[in-house]
Amino acid sequence: MAGLLKGMAIAGAMALVLLVIVTISANYWVWRKTHASITLESEQCAHEPVGLVFGTSYGLRGGGENPWYRARLDLAASLWKSGQVDHLLISGDNHTRYYNEPVRMWRDLRQAQIPDAAMTLDYAGFSTFDTLARSRDVFGVSKVTLISQRWHLPRALFIARYLGLEARGCATRGRTIFEDRWMWAREILARVQVIADLYLLDRHPYFLGPSIVLPTSAQAPGNIIPVYQRVPMPAPVEHALRNLRIRLDAPSASKPAPPWRVIR
């Protein structure tokens, strides 16, 4: 029995050492592949046709607004207003009619004076991988600025590069590493998981759907389609969004769409 316990202890110790080595190696690989493409000062973020805003909960479990949510929206609005991105692709989770990250972000960005024509909503951004895969395969994105926090951007950029996207990260500001220490710790394990997803498990997005063309300045003139017509939605979401448009005095969906204009 003593020999068996000793053998189990040695095996456990070896497994722990192996886990530490794998974790450190995975994180170093992700960091090395992405750190040069992350800009910490928003004023220095390079111009790209599309800014991809990753969804997150707008509230905290203990109450109050999620600071990461507000930071992402503030940065997205700033980049569009300064002309550093031509169009915003807003991706998030919409797994029930009572929880809809993209619509909430769309509403708050409208209050920040971002016009409907500058935004497209992605309702199936259930994860970072799904958001990036759908940006390529559904929305036809090839060059993009990823808008998120410093702790999230390395993993997001690593996935984007794997998918063949020409991506750069633009990081939000306002919080220290100490304040976000639990998210940094979470990302250490998430980066190991993403390597397993990409190179071992051959992960695919949960849902794709029909192609949707983004109205960026690189495309030929035509008609701008309002965001709430451009993206197919479940009936409950469409009903809720119609009521929201009325409350916000948005143009009626039955009115003719205005002509295209170049967004710079």
Protein backbone atom coordinates (compact mmCIF):
# COMPACT_ATOMS: atom_id res chain seq x y z
CA MET A 1 0.00 0.00 0.00
CA ALA A 2 2.80 2.41 0.88
CA GLY A 3 4.44 1.76 -2.47
CA LEU A 4 1.15 2.41 -4.28
CA LEU A 5 0.63 5.69 -2.45
CA LYS A 6 4.20 6.74 -3.20
CA GLY A 7 3.71 5.94 -6.88
CA MET A 8 0.46 7.94 -6.98
CA ALA A 9 2.17 10.89 -5.31
CA ILE A 10 5.00 10.82 -7.85
CA ALA A 11 2.54 10.56 -10.73
CA GLY A 12 0.53 13.46 -9.32
CA ALA A 13 3.63 15.60 -8.93
CA MET A 14 4.73 14.83 -12.49
CA ALA A 15 1.26 15.68 -13.80
CA LEU A 16 1.34 18.97 -11.91
CA VAL A 17 4.77 19.85 -13.31
CA LEU A 18 3.58 18.97 -16.81
CA LEU A 19 0.48 21.14 -16.35
CA VAL A 20 2.62 24.09 -15.23
CA ILE A 21 4.95 23.66 -18.21
CA VAL A 22 2.04 23.45 -20.66
CA THR A 23 0.37 26.52 -19.12
CA ILE A 24 3.54 28.63 -19.22
CA SER A 25 4.36 27.51 -22.77
CA ALA A 26 0.86 28.20 -24.05
CA ASN A 27 0.79 31.67 -22.53
CA TYR A 28 4.23 32.52 -23.87
CA TRP A 29 3.20 31.35 -27.35
CA VAL A 30 0.05 33.50 -27.31
CA TRP A 31 1.94 36.53 -25.95
CA ARG A 32 4.78 36.23 -28.45
CA LYS A 33 2.40 35.96 -31.42
CA THR A 34 0.22 38.93 -30.41
CA HIS A 35 1.89 41.48 -28.13
CA ALA A 36 3.32 43.57 -30.99
CA SER A 37 -0.19 44.02 -32.43
CA ILE A 38 -1.78 45.51 -29.31
CA THR A 39 -1.96 49.30 -28.96
CA LEU A 40 -2.52 50.64 -25.46
CA GLU A 41 -3.11 54.27 -26.43
CA SER A 42 -6.33 54.63 -28.41
CA GLU A 43 -5.04 57.72 -30.24
CA GLN A 44 -2.34 55.55 -31.82
CA CYS A 45 -4.64 52.77 -33.02
CA ALA A 46 -4.31 52.36 -36.79
CA HIS A 47 -7.25 52.94 -39.11
CA GLU A 48 -9.18 49.83 -40.15
CA PRO A 49 -12.48 49.50 -42.03
CA VAL A 50 -14.17 47.56 -39.20
CA GLY A 51 -13.99 47.82 -35.42
CA LEU A 52 -15.14 44.63 -33.71
CA VAL A 53 -16.70 45.18 -30.28
CA PHE A 54 -16.79 42.04 -28.13
CA GLY A 55 -19.90 41.58 -26.05
CA THR A 56 -19.91 41.32 -22.28
CA SER A 57 -22.50 41.55 -19.54
CA TYR A 58 -23.56 45.14 -18.88
CA GLY A 59 -24.22 44.46 -15.19
CA LEU A 60 -22.33 42.85 -12.33
CA ARG A 61 -23.81 40.06 -10.24
CA GLY A 62 -23.41 42.12 -7.11
CA GLY A 63 -25.10 45.10 -8.75
CA GLY A 64 -23.88 48.09 -10.72
CA GLU A 65 -22.59 48.51 -14.25
CA ASN A 66 -19.82 46.29 -15.57
CA PRO A 67 -16.75 48.58 -16.00
CA TRP A 68 -15.43 46.44 -18.88
CA TYR A 69 -18.69 46.91 -20.75
CA ARG A 70 -18.59 50.68 -20.45
CA ALA A 71 -14.89 50.84 -21.35
CA ARG A 72 -15.45 48.88 -24.57
CA LEU A 73 -18.34 51.08 -25.66
CA ASP A 74 -16.48 54.30 -24.83
CA LEU A 75 -13.50 53.15 -26.88
CA ALA A 76 -15.67 52.00 -29.80
CA ALA A 77 -17.46 55.37 -29.91
CA SER A 78 -14.15 57.24 -29.71
CA LEU A 79 -12.59 55.24 -32.55
CA TRP A 80 -15.58 55.77 -34.84
CA LYS A 81 -15.84 59.49 -34.11
CA SER A 82 -12.12 59.99 -34.73
CA GLY A 83 -12.33 58.11 -38.05
CA GLN A 84 -10.05 55.29 -36.91
CA VAL A 85 -12.73 52.74 -37.85
CA ASP A 86 -15.38 53.13 -40.55
CA HIS A 87 -17.93 50.71 -39.15
CA LEU A 88 -18.66 48.95 -35.85
CA LEU A 89 -19.52 45.25 -35.75
CA ILE A 90 -21.17 44.69 -32.36
CA SER A 91 -21.13 41.06 -31.33
CA GLY A 92 -22.57 39.43 -28.25
CA ASP A 93 -24.72 36.80 -26.63
CA ASN A 94 -28.47 36.65 -27.22
CA HIS A 95 -29.33 33.23 -25.80
CA THR A 96 -32.73 34.28 -24.45
CA ARG A 97 -35.26 37.03 -25.18
CA TYR A 98 -34.42 38.54 -21.78
CA TYR A 99 -30.66 38.75 -22.32
CA ASN A 100 -29.43 40.56 -25.39
CA GLU A 101 -25.94 42.03 -25.31
CA PRO A 102 -25.86 43.39 -28.90
CA VAL A 103 -29.11 45.35 -28.58
CA ARG A 104 -28.04 46.81 -25.25
CA MET A 105 -24.71 47.91 -26.75
CA TRP A 106 -26.48 49.29 -29.84
CA ARG A 107 -28.81 51.34 -27.64
CA ASP A 108 -25.98 52.76 -25.54
CA LEU A 109 -23.88 53.58 -28.61
CA ARG A 110 -26.86 55.40 -30.12
CA GLN A 111 -27.01 57.49 -26.97
CA ALA A 112 -23.32 58.25 -27.61
CA GLN A 113 -24.35 59.72 -31.00
CA ILE A 114 -23.26 56.75 -33.14
CA PRO A 115 -25.71 56.48 -36.09
CA ASP A 116 -27.51 53.25 -37.03
CA ALA A 117 -25.74 53.17 -40.37
CA ALA A 118 -22.39 52.87 -38.60
CA MET A 119 -23.34 49.73 -36.66
CA THR A 120 -24.12 46.11 -37.45
CA LEU A 121 -25.28 43.67 -34.79
CA ASP A 122 -24.17 40.07 -34.47
CA TYR A 123 -26.54 38.13 -32.23
CA ALA A 124 -24.57 34.87 -32.14
CA GLY A 125 -21.28 36.00 -30.62
CA PHE A 126 -21.50 33.38 -27.88
CA SER A 127 -17.73 33.32 -27.36
CA THR A 128 -14.57 35.05 -28.56
CA PHE A 129 -14.03 32.27 -31.09
CA ASP A 130 -17.60 32.44 -32.41
CA THR A 131 -17.43 36.23 -32.73
CA LEU A 132 -14.24 36.11 -34.77
CA ALA A 133 -15.26 33.14 -36.92
CA ARG A 134 -18.59 34.82 -37.72
CA SER A 135 -16.89 38.13 -38.50
CA ARG A 136 -14.94 36.31 -41.22
CA ASP A 137 -17.49 33.79 -42.52
CA VAL A 138 -20.77 35.70 -42.09
CA PHE A 139 -19.78 39.36 -42.32
CA GLY A 140 -16.87 39.02 -44.75
CA VAL A 141 -14.37 40.84 -42.53
CA SER A 142 -10.69 40.51 -43.44
CA LYS A 143 -9.09 43.58 -41.78
CA VAL A 144 -10.29 44.56 -38.33
CA THR A 145 -9.53 46.40 -35.11
CA LEU A 146 -10.40 44.32 -32.06
CA ILE A 147 -11.83 46.46 -29.26
CA SER A 148 -11.44 44.99 -25.78
CA GLN A 149 -9.36 44.92 -22.60
CA ARG A 150 -5.60 44.20 -22.40
CA TRP A 151 -6.17 40.86 -20.68
CA HIS A 152 -8.54 39.68 -23.44
CA LEU A 153 -6.81 40.93 -26.58
CA PRO A 154 -3.92 38.43 -26.73
CA ARG A 155 -6.31 35.47 -26.89
CA ALA A 156 -8.63 37.27 -29.32
CA LEU A 157 -5.74 38.19 -31.62
CA PHE A 158 -4.35 34.67 -31.48
CA ILE A 159 -7.70 33.30 -32.67
CA ALA A 160 -7.97 36.00 -35.33
CA ARG A 161 -4.55 35.16 -36.74
CA TYR A 162 -5.44 31.46 -36.76
CA LEU A 163 -8.56 32.29 -38.78
CA GLY A 164 -6.53 34.34 -41.26
CA LEU A 165 -7.80 37.76 -40.21
CA GLU A 166 -5.54 40.79 -40.50
CA ALA A 167 -6.25 42.07 -37.01
CA ARG A 168 -4.89 44.60 -34.56
CA GLY A 169 -5.93 45.12 -30.96
CA CYS A 170 -6.93 48.46 -29.46
CA ALA A 171 -7.04 48.24 -25.68
CA THR A 172 -9.33 50.08 -23.30
CA ARG A 173 -7.82 52.15 -20.51
CA GLY A 174 -8.75 53.13 -16.98
CA ARG A 175 -8.12 50.00 -14.90
CA THR A 176 -4.89 48.58 -13.50
CA ILE A 177 -3.65 45.00 -13.66
CA PHE A 178 -4.31 44.75 -9.91
CA GLU A 179 -7.94 45.82 -10.32
CA ASP A 180 -8.44 43.23 -13.09
CA ARG A 181 -6.25 40.56 -11.47
CA TRP A 182 -8.96 37.90 -11.53
CA MET A 183 -9.52 38.39 -15.25
CA TRP A 184 -5.78 38.18 -15.91
CA ALA A 185 -5.71 34.93 -13.90
CA ARG A 186 -8.69 33.58 -15.83
CA GLU A 187 -6.97 34.35 -19.12
CA ILE A 188 -3.95 32.25 -18.15
CA LEU A 189 -6.14 29.15 -18.32
CA ALA A 190 -8.28 30.42 -21.21
CA ARG A 191 -5.19 30.69 -23.42
CA VAL A 192 -4.40 27.02 -22.79
CA GLN A 193 -7.98 26.15 -23.66
CA VAL A 194 -7.93 28.11 -26.90
CA ILE A 195 -4.83 26.30 -28.13
CA ALA A 196 -6.54 23.00 -27.39
CA ASP A 197 -9.68 24.20 -29.20
CA LEU A 198 -7.79 25.29 -32.31
CA TYR A 199 -5.10 22.65 -32.67
CA LEU A 200 -6.52 19.57 -30.97
CA LEU A 201 -10.32 19.77 -30.98
CA ASP A 202 -10.81 21.49 -34.37
CA ARG A 203 -13.41 23.83 -32.95
CA HIS A 204 -16.19 25.28 -35.12
CA PRO A 205 -18.61 28.14 -34.39
CA TYR A 206 -21.91 27.22 -32.81
CA PHE A 207 -23.94 28.98 -35.51
CA LEU A 208 -23.12 30.73 -38.79
CA GLY A 209 -26.14 31.53 -40.97
CA PRO A 210 -26.42 33.59 -44.19
CA SER A 211 -23.78 36.07 -45.31
CA ILE A 212 -24.29 39.74 -44.40
CA VAL A 213 -22.35 42.49 -46.17
CA LEU A 214 -21.08 45.31 -44.00
CA PRO A 215 -21.51 48.82 -45.48
CA THR A 216 -17.90 49.96 -45.19
CA SER A 217 -16.26 52.62 -47.30
CA ALA A 218 -14.36 49.98 -49.28
CA GLN A 219 -17.54 48.73 -50.93
CA ALA A 220 -19.41 49.93 -53.98
CA PRO A 221 -22.24 52.47 -53.60
CA GLY A 222 -25.74 51.20 -53.04
CA ASN A 223 -28.35 51.61 -50.33
CA ILE A 224 -27.60 51.58 -46.64
CA ILE A 225 -29.86 49.04 -44.95
CA PRO A 226 -30.75 49.92 -41.35
CA VAL A 227 -29.09 47.63 -38.85
CA TYR A 228 -32.38 46.19 -37.62
CA GLN A 229 -33.25 45.06 -41.17
CA ARG A 230 -29.74 44.03 -42.14
CA VAL A 231 -29.42 41.27 -39.50
CA PRO A 232 -32.01 38.46 -39.29
CA MET A 233 -33.52 38.19 -35.81
CA PRO A 234 -35.90 35.88 -33.94
CA ALA A 235 -39.46 37.19 -33.70
CA PRO A 236 -39.30 38.10 -29.96
CA VAL A 237 -36.11 40.08 -30.50
CA GLU A 238 -37.56 41.83 -33.56
CA HIS A 239 -40.64 42.81 -31.54
CA ALA A 240 -38.55 44.11 -28.63
CA LEU A 241 -36.28 46.05 -31.00
CA ARG A 242 -39.27 47.60 -32.77
CA ASN A 243 -40.55 48.90 -29.43
CA LEU A 244 -37.07 50.18 -28.59
CA ARG A 245 -36.83 52.05 -31.90
CA ILE A 246 -40.12 53.76 -31.17
CA ARG A 247 -38.88 54.83 -27.73
CA LEU A 248 -35.63 56.14 -29.20
CA ASP A 249 -37.41 57.86 -32.11
CA ALA A 250 -35.51 55.71 -34.60
CA PRO A 251 -36.67 55.81 -38.25
CA SER A 252 -39.45 53.40 -39.04
CA ALA A 253 -38.37 50.21 -40.81
CA SER A 254 -41.09 50.82 -43.40
CA LYS A 255 -39.54 54.06 -44.64
CA PRO A 256 -37.27 53.98 -47.69
CA ALA A 257 -33.61 53.54 -46.81
CA PRO A 258 -31.45 56.65 -47.29
CA PRO A 259 -28.76 56.59 -49.99
CA TRP A 260 -25.30 55.28 -49.22
CA ARG A 261 -22.72 57.61 -47.84
CA VAL A 262 -19.06 57.00 -47.27
CA ILE A 263 -18.22 56.74 -43.57
CA ARG A 264 -14.77 58.08 -42.89
